[in-house]
Every structure is written in C-alpha cells, then in structure tokens.
C-alpha cells in the first residue's frame, strides 16, 4: 500500500474543495441567506450525492481494469486531458465571484439537503470528474479496485465535508473578505487553474 499516494490524493482533494466552484459557492450563498446550519445541511446533501458517483465509477472502471490494462491507461490519459480542459475553461471564465443574496428563496433544512443531493446526483460532470480524478490514485496491489475506489471516495467526501462545512461556518467572514478585496476572484481563479494542472501532471507521472 502506497501511503504517499493517499496523502497526495488527500491534499489534491483539499485543494479542489477550496477552489471556488459551483458547489462551494452554492454552499456559501445558502449559508449567507439562511444561516450556517442550513449551509451544512446543503453540504450533507452534496456529499451524499458523491457516494452515488463513487459507486458508479468504482464498479464501472473496475470492470474495465479487469478486462484490459490498455483501456485503463486510456482512461487515465482521458482524465489528464479532462483536467487540463477544466483548467482552460476556468481560464476563459469570469474571475468575479458574485455574492448577491437578493432573490434567493428561503428553504427548510430538509429541502436544502434534498436540493444539494439532487443537484449533485443529476450532474453528470461529477461522475466525469471522478472518472478523471480517481484512477490516477489507486494505491494498493492487494486491495480490490472497487475497495480502493470506495476508500478514495471516502477520503474525498470527508475532506470536502470539512472544507465545505468550514465555508458554511465562516460564511459571514468570507463574504466580507470577498466584497472587500476586488482581486480575490482573480486569485482564486488562478489558484483553481494551477491546482487542476498540477493534479493532471501528478497523474501523468
């Protein structure tokens, strides 16, 4: 078992969770509008959805690995290409972080949990991202591939939950900081680009 691979995966997951994207910005907005516990309910919904995507990728990719090593190599190369594509998409995107809370309807804890879950499960880009990200970090010659994917999924969910919950708990301070620093969006944009490219390179080597 290569613990260095698991450590690299954990650090990469943390960097990805910190990088502004639709999910953590959504958590931030719900926390600002409804309150911190409502933001955490949203996080729980999103993380539950990640379990579904982990299962799909675990069984799908494990079957491919068992059938053909070359196909698995192609999947990893696809993953690198997809991560670079995401980095390019971020480069082309607007660097501004909009935090306009006006017009955001208030919802119950369960409705926010359900919305977070549905939003995650019905987003095919999450499975596509897991497919690009996870295969490059298989860490054991002894555990089954399915077990390894679930362990990686578990690490990803725990790390993302900690980061996203921190965003919910610190939402007021984060909102004040972003509004007071006009260049914050540019910083986070380039941070996300660098993280995606570094993970792609890490998978290659």
Foldseek 3Di string as FASTA:
>chain_A
DAVVLVVVLLVLLLLLLQQDDPQLLVLLLLCVQANLLLSLLLLLLQLVLLVVLLQVLLVVVLVVVVVDVVVLVVLQLVLLVVLLVVLVVLVPDDLARDRDNPPPDDDDSVVSSNVSNCVNNVDVVSSVNLSSQQSLRQDDPPDRSSVSSVVSSVSSSVSSSVSSSVCSVCSVVVVVVSVVDVCPSVVSSVSSSVSSNVSSVSSVD
